[in-house]
Amino acid sequence: MTPDMRAPTRAMELAPVLDVMAAAPLAARLRACSGANVTIDGSRVERLGGQCLQILLAAAASCRAHGARLRLVDPSPAMLDDLALFGVGRADLESGENES
């Protein structure tokens, strides 16, 4: 699906520590963005845990399925390192115009 560029865009900043305690609040914030294009700022992330990564991956998949755009902007070096440890690329967390 082509992303709906007319859909509203919601911006959200990720917490510095994305561990098990941050998972439920992150999921709720992303659910509140349902149907909108989402820009996620990862500049403050110091640690990314598996559960929050799963939530971010699910959000990207949901956006793809519903024709919305999800962008990750300014991921911190620590976030990029943690993604690499999980074997996940930045592109896996994005949907929309950045996809081929």
PDB file of N, CA and C in Angstrom:
ATOM      1  N   MET A   1       0.823  -1.188   0.000  1.00  0.00           N
ATOM      2  CA  MET A   1       0.000   0.000   0.000  1.00  0.00           C
ATOM      3  C   MET A   1       0.863   1.247   0.000  1.00  0.00           C
ATOM      4  N   THR A   2       0.399   2.256  -0.685  1.00  0.00           N
ATOM      5  CA  THR A   2       1.083   3.537  -0.683  1.00  0.00           C
ATOM      6  C   THR A   2       0.668   4.303   0.562  1.00  0.00           C
ATOM      7  N   PRO A   3       1.631   4.937   1.276  1.00  0.00           N
ATOM      8  CA  PRO A   3       1.261   5.681   2.463  1.00  0.00           C
ATOM      9  C   PRO A   3       0.345   6.849   2.127  1.00  0.00           C
ATOM     10  N   ASP A   4      -0.610   7.095   2.974  1.00  0.00           N
ATOM     11  CA  ASP A   4      -1.540   8.204   2.803  1.00  0.00           C
ATOM     12  C   ASP A   4      -0.880   9.472   3.326  1.00  0.00           C
ATOM     13  N   MET A   5      -0.404  10.298   2.430  1.00  0.00           N
ATOM     14  CA  MET A   5       0.301  11.506   2.825  1.00  0.00           C
ATOM     15  C   MET A   5      -0.657  12.537   3.432  1.00  0.00           C
ATOM     16  N   ARG A   6      -1.953  12.350   3.253  1.00  0.00           N
ATOM     17  CA  ARG A   6      -2.931  13.269   3.838  1.00  0.00           C
ATOM     18  C   ARG A   6      -3.260  12.911   5.278  1.00  0.00           C
ATOM     19  N   ALA A   7      -2.879  11.719   5.700  1.00  0.00           N
ATOM     20  CA  ALA A   7      -3.143  11.306   7.081  1.00  0.00           C
ATOM     21  C   ALA A   7      -2.363  12.220   8.023  1.00  0.00           C
ATOM     22  N   PRO A   8      -2.909  12.469   9.196  1.00  0.00           N
ATOM     23  CA  PRO A   8      -2.171  13.307  10.157  1.00  0.00           C
ATOM     24  C   PRO A   8      -0.861  12.635  10.550  1.00  0.00           C
ATOM     25  N   THR A   9       0.111  13.448  10.919  1.00  0.00           N
ATOM     26  CA  THR A   9       1.396  12.917  11.383  1.00  0.00           C
ATOM     27  C   THR A   9       1.516  13.166  12.870  1.00  0.00           C
ATOM     28  N   ARG A  10       1.833  12.127  13.595  1.00  0.00           N
ATOM     29  CA  ARG A  10       2.061  12.223  15.033  1.00  0.00           C
ATOM     30  C   ARG A  10       3.541  12.041  15.286  1.00  0.00           C
ATOM     31  N   ALA A  11       4.087  12.856  16.159  1.00  0.00           N
ATOM     32  CA  ALA A  11       5.489  12.740  16.531  1.00  0.00           C
ATOM     33  C   ALA A  11       5.572  12.250  17.964  1.00  0.00           C
ATOM     34  N   MET A  12       6.528  11.374  18.214  1.00  0.00           N
ATOM     35  CA  MET A  12       6.743  10.917  19.579  1.00  0.00           C
ATOM     36  C   MET A  12       8.228  10.719  19.812  1.00  0.00           C
ATOM     37  N   GLU A  13       8.640  10.986  21.035  1.00  0.00           N
ATOM     38  CA  GLU A  13      10.030  10.821  21.431  1.00  0.00           C
ATOM     39  C   GLU A  13      10.136   9.587  22.316  1.00  0.00           C
ATOM     40  N   LEU A  14      11.081   8.727  21.992  1.00  0.00           N
ATOM     41  CA  LEU A  14      11.267   7.526  22.791  1.00  0.00           C
ATOM     42  C   LEU A  14      11.972   7.851  24.097  1.00  0.00           C
ATOM     43  N   ALA A  15      11.640   7.089  25.123  1.00  0.00           N
ATOM     44  CA  ALA A  15      12.270   7.239  26.433  1.00  0.00           C
ATOM     45  C   ALA A  15      13.728   6.786  26.356  1.00  0.00           C
ATOM     46  N   PRO A  16      14.565   7.270  27.265  1.00  0.00           N
ATOM     47  CA  PRO A  16      15.973   6.838  27.268  1.00  0.00           C
ATOM     48  C   PRO A  16      16.147   5.340  27.505  1.00  0.00           C
ATOM     49  N   VAL A  17      15.342   4.771  28.385  1.00  0.00           N
ATOM     50  CA  VAL A  17      15.453   3.345  28.703  1.00  0.00           C
ATOM     51  C   VAL A  17      14.179   2.651  28.248  1.00  0.00           C
ATOM     52  N   LEU A  18      14.315   1.795  27.254  1.00  0.00           N
ATOM     53  CA  LEU A  18      13.180   1.054  26.707  1.00  0.00           C
ATOM     54  C   LEU A  18      13.301  -0.401  27.151  1.00  0.00           C
ATOM     55  N   ASP A  19      12.971  -0.623  28.414  1.00  0.00           N
ATOM     56  CA  ASP A  19      13.044  -1.956  29.009  1.00  0.00           C
ATOM     57  C   ASP A  19      11.639  -2.484  29.229  1.00  0.00           C
ATOM     58  N   VAL A  20      11.514  -3.553  29.992  1.00  0.00           N
ATOM     59  CA  VAL A  20      10.212  -4.176  30.217  1.00  0.00           C
ATOM     60  C   VAL A  20       9.221  -3.201  30.873  1.00  0.00           C
ATOM     61  N   MET A  21       9.703  -2.306  31.710  1.00  0.00           N
ATOM     62  CA  MET A  21       8.820  -1.338  32.361  1.00  0.00           C
ATOM     63  C   MET A  21       8.287  -0.299  31.371  1.00  0.00           C
ATOM     64  N   ALA A  22       8.991  -0.069  30.293  1.00  0.00           N
ATOM     65  CA  ALA A  22       8.571   0.912  29.297  1.00  0.00           C
ATOM     66  C   ALA A  22       7.677   0.307  28.216  1.00  0.00           C
ATOM     67  N   ALA A  23       7.550  -1.012  28.188  1.00  0.00           N
ATOM     68  CA  ALA A  23       6.845  -1.684  27.093  1.00  0.00           C
ATOM     69  C   ALA A  23       5.361  -1.311  27.019  1.00  0.00           C
ATOM     70  N   ALA A  24       4.639  -1.432  28.114  1.00  0.00           N
ATOM     71  CA  ALA A  24       3.197  -1.141  28.080  1.00  0.00           C
ATOM     72  C   ALA A  24       2.926   0.325  27.734  1.00  0.00           C
ATOM     73  N   PRO A  25       3.639   1.288  28.346  1.00  0.00           N
ATOM     74  CA  PRO A  25       3.405   2.684  27.954  1.00  0.00           C
ATOM     75  C   PRO A  25       3.737   2.947  26.479  1.00  0.00           C
ATOM     76  N   LEU A  26       4.796   2.326  25.972  1.00  0.00           N
ATOM     77  CA  LEU A  26       5.153   2.504  24.564  1.00  0.00           C
ATOM     78  C   LEU A  26       4.056   1.950  23.665  1.00  0.00           C
ATOM     79  N   ALA A  27       3.573   0.771  23.987  1.00  0.00           N
ATOM     80  CA  ALA A  27       2.498   0.173  23.185  1.00  0.00           C
ATOM     81  C   ALA A  27       1.255   1.052  23.192  1.00  0.00           C
ATOM     82  N   ALA A  28       0.906   1.604  24.344  1.00  0.00           N
ATOM     83  CA  ALA A  28      -0.271   2.474  24.436  1.00  0.00           C
ATOM     84  C   ALA A  28      -0.091   3.739  23.605  1.00  0.00           C
ATOM     85  N   ARG A  29       1.095   4.314  23.650  1.00  0.00           N
ATOM     86  CA  ARG A  29       1.349   5.532  22.868  1.00  0.00           C
ATOM     87  C   ARG A  29       1.261   5.246  21.377  1.00  0.00           C
ATOM     88  N   LEU A  30       1.776   4.113  20.959  1.00  0.00           N
ATOM     89  CA  LEU A  30       1.710   3.764  19.538  1.00  0.00           C
ATOM     90  C   LEU A  30       0.288   3.421  19.111  1.00  0.00           C
ATOM     91  N   ARG A  31      -0.472   2.742  19.962  1.00  0.00           N
ATOM     92  CA  ARG A  31      -1.880   2.454  19.642  1.00  0.00           C
ATOM     93  C   ARG A  31      -2.667   3.747  19.463  1.00  0.00           C
ATOM     94  N   ALA A  32      -2.340   4.764  20.245  1.00  0.00           N
ATOM     95  CA  ALA A  32      -3.030   6.052  20.140  1.00  0.00           C
ATOM     96  C   ALA A  32      -2.749   6.734  18.799  1.00  0.00           C
ATOM     97  N   CYS A  33      -1.713   6.307  18.112  1.00  0.00           N
ATOM     98  CA  CYS A  33      -1.352   6.881  16.813  1.00  0.00           C
ATOM     99  C   CYS A  33      -1.946   6.102  15.646  1.00  0.00           C
ATOM    100  N   SER A  34      -2.753   5.109  15.927  1.00  0.00           N
ATOM    101  CA  SER A  34      -3.305   4.253  14.889  1.00  0.00           C
ATOM    102  C   SER A  34      -3.982   5.075  13.806  1.00  0.00           C
ATOM    103  N   GLY A  35      -3.644   4.771  12.555  1.00  0.00           N
ATOM    104  CA  GLY A  35      -4.233   5.462  11.418  1.00  0.00           C
ATOM    105  C   GLY A  35      -3.481   6.704  10.994  1.00  0.00           C
ATOM    106  N   ALA A  36      -2.535   7.136  11.812  1.00  0.00           N
ATOM    107  CA  ALA A  36      -1.754   8.329  11.495  1.00  0.00           C
ATOM    108  C   ALA A  36      -0.368   7.922  11.000  1.00  0.00           C
ATOM    109  N   ASN A  37       0.259   8.826  10.305  1.00  0.00           N
ATOM    110  CA  ASN A  37       1.678   8.672  10.013  1.00  0.00           C
ATOM    111  C   ASN A  37       2.411   8.993  11.303  1.00  0.00           C
ATOM    112  N   VAL A  38       3.495   8.289  11.584  1.00  0.00           N
ATOM    113  CA  VAL A  38       4.185   8.447  12.869  1.00  0.00           C
ATOM    114  C   VAL A  38       5.664   8.727  12.624  1.00  0.00           C
ATOM    115  N   THR A  39       6.175   9.733  13.318  1.00  0.00           N
ATOM    116  CA  THR A  39       7.602  10.024  13.333  1.00  0.00           C
ATOM    117  C   THR A  39       8.098   9.760  14.742  1.00  0.00           C
ATOM    118  N   ILE A  40       9.065   8.860  14.868  1.00  0.00           N
ATOM    119  CA  ILE A  40       9.600   8.464  16.166  1.00  0.00           C
ATOM    120  C   ILE A  40      11.018   8.990  16.297  1.00  0.00           C
ATOM    121  N   ASP A  41      11.247   9.779  17.333  1.00  0.00           N
ATOM    122  CA  ASP A  41      12.565  10.346  17.615  1.00  0.00           C
ATOM    123  C   ASP A  41      13.309   9.413  18.572  1.00  0.00           C
ATOM    124  N   GLY A  42      14.408   8.837  18.113  1.00  0.00           N
ATOM    125  CA  GLY A  42      15.183   7.913  18.935  1.00  0.00           C
ATOM    126  C   GLY A  42      16.459   8.521  19.497  1.00  0.00           C
ATOM    127  N   SER A  43      16.562   9.840  19.509  1.00  0.00           N
ATOM    128  CA  SER A  43      17.815  10.498  19.888  1.00  0.00           C
ATOM    129  C   SER A  43      18.206  10.328  21.350  1.00  0.00           C
ATOM    130  N   ARG A  44      17.236  10.079  22.217  1.00  0.00           N
ATOM    131  CA  ARG A  44      17.538   9.959  23.645  1.00  0.00           C
ATOM    132  C   ARG A  44      17.727   8.520  24.114  1.00  0.00           C
ATOM    133  N   VAL A  45      17.529   7.548  23.239  1.00  0.00           N
ATOM    134  CA  VAL A  45      17.568   6.145  23.647  1.00  0.00           C
ATOM    135  C   VAL A  45      18.979   5.750  24.092  1.00  0.00           C
ATOM    136  N   GLU A  46      19.054   5.245  25.313  1.00  0.00           N
ATOM    137  CA  GLU A  46      20.308   4.736  25.876  1.00  0.00           C
ATOM    138  C   GLU A  46      20.332   3.215  25.893  1.00  0.00           C
ATOM    139  N   ARG A  47      19.133   2.602  25.959  1.00  0.00           N
ATOM    140  CA  ARG A  47      19.039   1.143  26.019  1.00  0.00           C
ATOM    141  C   ARG A  47      17.708   0.700  25.427  1.00  0.00           C
ATOM    142  N   LEU A  48      17.785  -0.253  24.499  1.00  0.00           N
ATOM    143  CA  LEU A  48      16.604  -0.809  23.843  1.00  0.00           C
ATOM    144  C   LEU A  48      16.513  -2.289  24.174  1.00  0.00           C
ATOM    145  N   GLY A  49      15.443  -2.660  24.856  1.00  0.00           N
ATOM    146  CA  GLY A  49      15.219  -4.056  25.218  1.00  0.00           C
ATOM    147  C   GLY A  49      14.353  -4.774  24.198  1.00  0.00           C
ATOM    148  N   GLY A  50      14.324  -6.080  24.319  1.00  0.00           N
ATOM    149  CA  GLY A  50      13.618  -6.925  23.369  1.00  0.00           C
ATOM    150  C   GLY A  50      12.128  -6.670  23.267  1.00  0.00           C
ATOM    151  N   GLN A  51      11.461  -6.465  24.400  1.00  0.00           N
ATOM    152  CA  GLN A  51      10.012  -6.264  24.333  1.00  0.00           C
ATOM    153  C   GLN A  51       9.654  -4.960  23.627  1.00  0.00           C
ATOM    154  N   CYS A  52      10.400  -3.906  23.907  1.00  0.00           N
ATOM    155  CA  CYS A  52      10.121  -2.641  23.220  1.00  0.00           C
ATOM    156  C   CYS A  52      10.472  -2.737  21.741  1.00  0.00           C
ATOM    157  N   LEU A  53      11.516  -3.469  21.413  1.00  0.00           N
ATOM    158  CA  LEU A  53      11.838  -3.694  20.007  1.00  0.00           C
ATOM    159  C   LEU A  53      10.683  -4.411  19.319  1.00  0.00           C
ATOM    160  N   GLN A  54      10.120  -5.430  19.950  1.00  0.00           N
ATOM    161  CA  GLN A  54       8.985  -6.142  19.362  1.00  0.00           C
ATOM    162  C   GLN A  54       7.807  -5.201  19.129  1.00  0.00           C
ATOM    163  N   ILE A  55       7.574  -4.296  20.058  1.00  0.00           N
ATOM    164  CA  ILE A  55       6.474  -3.335  19.921  1.00  0.00           C
ATOM    165  C   ILE A  55       6.735  -2.403  18.741  1.00  0.00           C
ATOM    166  N   LEU A  56       7.964  -1.927  18.608  1.00  0.00           N
ATOM    167  CA  LEU A  56       8.305  -1.052  17.482  1.00  0.00           C
ATOM    168  C   LEU A  56       8.179  -1.784  16.147  1.00  0.00           C
ATOM    169  N   LEU A  57       8.616  -3.040  16.105  1.00  0.00           N
ATOM    170  CA  LEU A  57       8.487  -3.829  14.883  1.00  0.00           C
ATOM    171  C   LEU A  57       7.013  -4.073  14.540  1.00  0.00           C
ATOM    172  N   ALA A  58       6.197  -4.332  15.551  1.00  0.00           N
ATOM    173  CA  ALA A  58       4.762  -4.539  15.323  1.00  0.00           C
ATOM    174  C   ALA A  58       4.109  -3.257  14.818  1.00  0.00           C
ATOM    175  N   ALA A  59       4.530  -2.117  15.348  1.00  0.00           N
ATOM    176  CA  ALA A  59       3.985  -0.833  14.892  1.00  0.00           C
ATOM    177  C   ALA A  59       4.338  -0.590  13.430  1.00  0.00           C
ATOM    178  N   ALA A  60       5.575  -0.910  13.052  1.00  0.00           N
ATOM    179  CA  ALA A  60       5.981  -0.751  11.657  1.00  0.00           C
ATOM    180  C   ALA A  60       5.160  -1.669  10.745  1.00  0.00           C
ATOM    181  N   ALA A  61       4.953  -2.903  11.173  1.00  0.00           N
ATOM    182  CA  ALA A  61       4.154  -3.848  10.385  1.00  0.00           C
ATOM    183  C   ALA A  61       2.714  -3.370  10.259  1.00  0.00           C
ATOM    184  N   SER A  62       2.164  -2.840  11.336  1.00  0.00           N
ATOM    185  CA  SER A  62       0.801  -2.323  11.310  1.00  0.00           C
ATOM    186  C   SER A  62       0.688  -1.133  10.363  1.00  0.00           C
ATOM    187  N   CYS A  63       1.661  -0.249  10.412  1.00  0.00           N
ATOM    188  CA  CYS A  63       1.649   0.895   9.500  1.00  0.00           C
ATOM    189  C   CYS A  63       1.708   0.415   8.051  1.00  0.00           C
ATOM    190  N   ARG A  64       2.581  -0.542   7.774  1.00  0.00           N
ATOM    191  CA  ARG A  64       2.670  -1.087   6.413  1.00  0.00           C
ATOM    192  C   ARG A  64       1.319  -1.641   5.970  1.00  0.00           C
ATOM    193  N   ALA A  65       0.693  -2.403   6.845  1.00  0.00           N
ATOM    194  CA  ALA A  65      -0.575  -3.058   6.498  1.00  0.00           C
ATOM    195  C   ALA A  65      -1.705  -2.055   6.273  1.00  0.00           C
ATOM    196  N   HIS A  66      -1.630  -0.913   6.945  1.00  0.00           N
ATOM    197  CA  HIS A  66      -2.710   0.070   6.855  1.00  0.00           C
ATOM    198  C   HIS A  66      -2.361   1.271   5.992  1.00  0.00           C
ATOM    199  N   GLY A  67      -1.222   1.204   5.305  1.00  0.00           N
ATOM    200  CA  GLY A  67      -0.866   2.285   4.395  1.00  0.00           C
ATOM    201  C   GLY A  67      -0.413   3.557   5.074  1.00  0.00           C
ATOM    202  N   ALA A  68       0.038   3.461   6.303  1.00  0.00           N
ATOM    203  CA  ALA A  68       0.548   4.633   7.012  1.00  0.00           C
ATOM    204  C   ALA A  68       2.070   4.635   6.942  1.00  0.00           C
ATOM    205  N   ARG A  69       2.653   5.760   7.249  1.00  0.00           N
ATOM    206  CA  ARG A  69       4.101   5.907   7.215  1.00  0.00           C
ATOM    207  C   ARG A  69       4.637   5.959   8.637  1.00  0.00           C
ATOM    208  N   LEU A  70       5.689   5.220   8.902  1.00  0.00           N
ATOM    209  CA  LEU A  70       6.386   5.279  10.192  1.00  0.00           C
ATOM    210  C   LEU A  70       7.844   5.579   9.884  1.00  0.00           C
ATOM    211  N   ARG A  71       8.374   6.628  10.514  1.00  0.00           N
ATOM    212  CA  ARG A  71       9.769   7.019  10.310  1.00  0.00           C
ATOM    213  C   ARG A  71      10.491   7.062  11.643  1.00  0.00           C
ATOM    214  N   LEU A  72      11.711   6.573  11.663  1.00  0.00           N
ATOM    215  CA  LEU A  72      12.587   6.678  12.824  1.00  0.00           C
ATOM    216  C   LEU A  72      13.601   7.764  12.503  1.00  0.00           C
ATOM    217  N   VAL A  73      13.615   8.819  13.319  1.00  0.00           N
ATOM    218  CA  VAL A  73      14.548   9.916  13.078  1.00  0.00           C
ATOM    219  C   VAL A  73      15.542  10.020  14.225  1.00  0.00           C
ATOM    220  N   ASP A  74      16.740  10.393  13.879  1.00  0.00           N
ATOM    221  CA  ASP A  74      17.812  10.651  14.845  1.00  0.00           C
ATOM    222  C   ASP A  74      18.023   9.532  15.865  1.00  0.00           C
ATOM    223  N   PRO A  75      18.113   8.282  15.431  1.00  0.00           N
ATOM    224  CA  PRO A  75      18.383   7.237  16.422  1.00  0.00           C
ATOM    225  C   PRO A  75      19.757   7.476  17.046  1.00  0.00           C
ATOM    226  N   SER A  76      19.836   7.308  18.346  1.00  0.00           N
ATOM    227  CA  SER A  76      21.102   7.496  19.049  1.00  0.00           C
ATOM    228  C   SER A  76      22.081   6.388  18.660  1.00  0.00           C
ATOM    229  N   PRO A  77      23.374   6.629  18.847  1.00  0.00           N
ATOM    230  CA  PRO A  77      24.343   5.553  18.597  1.00  0.00           C
ATOM    231  C   PRO A  77      24.033   4.304  19.433  1.00  0.00           C
ATOM    232  N   ALA A  78      23.592   4.498  20.686  1.00  0.00           N
ATOM    233  CA  ALA A  78      23.253   3.348  21.536  1.00  0.00           C
ATOM    234  C   ALA A  78      22.066   2.566  20.960  1.00  0.00           C
ATOM    235  N   MET A  79      21.078   3.272  20.427  1.00  0.00           N
ATOM    236  CA  MET A  79      19.932   2.595  19.830  1.00  0.00           C
ATOM    237  C   MET A  79      20.369   1.798  18.603  1.00  0.00           C
ATOM    238  N   LEU A  80      21.199   2.402  17.766  1.00  0.00           N
ATOM    239  CA  LEU A  80      21.682   1.692  16.578  1.00  0.00           C
ATOM    240  C   LEU A  80      22.513   0.473  16.965  1.00  0.00           C
ATOM    241  N   ASP A  81      23.318   0.600  18.014  1.00  0.00           N
ATOM    242  CA  ASP A  81      24.098  -0.543  18.502  1.00  0.00           C
ATOM    243  C   ASP A  81      23.188  -1.666  18.984  1.00  0.00           C
ATOM    244  N   ASP A  82      22.156  -1.306  19.761  1.00  0.00           N
ATOM    245  CA  ASP A  82      21.237  -2.322  20.273  1.00  0.00           C
ATOM    246  C   ASP A  82      20.466  -2.991  19.137  1.00  0.00           C
ATOM    247  N   LEU A  83      20.043  -2.206  18.146  1.00  0.00           N
ATOM    248  CA  LEU A  83      19.367  -2.796  16.990  1.00  0.00           C
ATOM    249  C   LEU A  83      20.283  -3.808  16.306  1.00  0.00           C
ATOM    250  N   ALA A  84      21.543  -3.448  16.142  1.00  0.00           N
ATOM    251  CA  ALA A  84      22.497  -4.353  15.499  1.00  0.00           C
ATOM    252  C   ALA A  84      22.678  -5.633  16.310  1.00  0.00           C
ATOM    253  N   LEU A  85      22.697  -5.511  17.643  1.00  0.00           N
ATOM    254  CA  LEU A  85      22.824  -6.701  18.482  1.00  0.00           C
ATOM    255  C   LEU A  85      21.653  -7.664  18.289  1.00  0.00           C
ATOM    256  N   PHE A  86      20.472  -7.100  18.014  1.00  0.00           N
ATOM    257  CA  PHE A  86      19.282  -7.921  17.769  1.00  0.00           C
ATOM    258  C   PHE A  86      19.205  -8.392  16.315  1.00  0.00           C
ATOM    259  N   GLY A  87      20.101  -7.894  15.470  1.00  0.00           N
ATOM    260  CA  GLY A  87      20.064  -8.262  14.061  1.00  0.00           C
ATOM    261  C   GLY A  87      18.975  -7.540  13.289  1.00  0.00           C
ATOM    262  N   VAL A  88      18.617  -6.362  13.763  1.00  0.00           N
ATOM    263  CA  VAL A  88      17.549  -5.579  13.158  1.00  0.00           C
ATOM    264  C   VAL A  88      18.159  -4.305  12.579  1.00  0.00           C
ATOM    265  N   GLY A  89      17.743  -3.947  11.384  1.00  0.00           N
ATOM    266  CA  GLY A  89      18.195  -2.708  10.770  1.00  0.00           C
ATOM    267  C   GLY A  89      17.186  -1.593  10.970  1.00  0.00           C
ATOM    268  N   ARG A  90      17.666  -0.401  10.828  1.00  0.00           N
ATOM    269  CA  ARG A  90      16.781   0.765  10.953  1.00  0.00           C
ATOM    270  C   ARG A  90      15.600   0.655   9.993  1.00  0.00           C
ATOM    271  N   ALA A  91      15.840   0.172   8.787  1.00  0.00           N
ATOM    272  CA  ALA A  91      14.776   0.050   7.792  1.00  0.00           C
ATOM    273  C   ALA A  91      13.666  -0.893   8.246  1.00  0.00           C
ATOM    274  N   ASP A  92      13.979  -1.847   9.125  1.00  0.00           N
ATOM    275  CA  ASP A  92      12.955  -2.765   9.637  1.00  0.00           C
ATOM    276  C   ASP A  92      11.925  -2.044  10.499  1.00  0.00           C
ATOM    277  N   LEU A  93      12.314  -0.888  11.034  1.00  0.00           N
ATOM    278  CA  LEU A  93      11.419  -0.118  11.902  1.00  0.00           C
ATOM    279  C   LEU A  93      10.675   0.974  11.149  1.00  0.00           C
ATOM    280  N   GLU A  94      10.848   1.025   9.847  1.00  0.00           N
ATOM    281  CA  GLU A  94      10.221   2.088   9.074  1.00  0.00           C
ATOM    282  C   GLU A  94       9.276   1.516   8.038  1.00  0.00           C
ATOM    283  N   SER A  95       8.339   2.335   7.636  1.00  0.00           N
ATOM    284  CA  SER A  95       7.422   1.973   6.565  1.00  0.00           C
ATOM    285  C   SER A  95       7.128   3.227   5.775  1.00  0.00           C
ATOM    286  N   GLY A  96       6.689   3.045   4.566  1.00  0.00           N
ATOM    287  CA  GLY A  96       6.310   4.209   3.770  1.00  0.00           C
ATOM    288  C   GLY A  96       7.302   4.535   2.694  1.00  0.00           C
ATOM    289  N   GLU A  97       7.576   5.829   2.518  1.00  0.00           N
ATOM    290  CA  GLU A  97       8.368   6.274   1.379  1.00  0.00           C
ATOM    291  C   GLU A  97       9.796   5.786   1.397  1.00  0.00           C
ATOM    292  N   ASN A  98      10.316   5.327   2.535  1.00  0.00           N
ATOM    293  CA  ASN A  98      11.682   4.844   2.600  1.00  0.00           C
ATOM    294  C   ASN A  98      11.816   3.417   2.085  1.00  0.00           C
ATOM    295  N   GLU A  99      10.710   2.742   1.868  1.00  0.00           N
ATOM    296  CA  GLU A  99      10.745   1.348   1.415  1.00  0.00           C
ATOM    297  C   GLU A  99      10.909   1.304  -0.095  1.00  0.00           C
ATOM    298  N   SER A 100      11.517   0.230  -0.564  1.00  0.00           N
ATOM    299  CA  SER A 100      11.657   0.079  -2.019  1.00  0.00           C
ATOM    300  C   SER A 100      10.486  -0.654  -2.600  1.00  0.00           C
TER     301      SER A 100
END
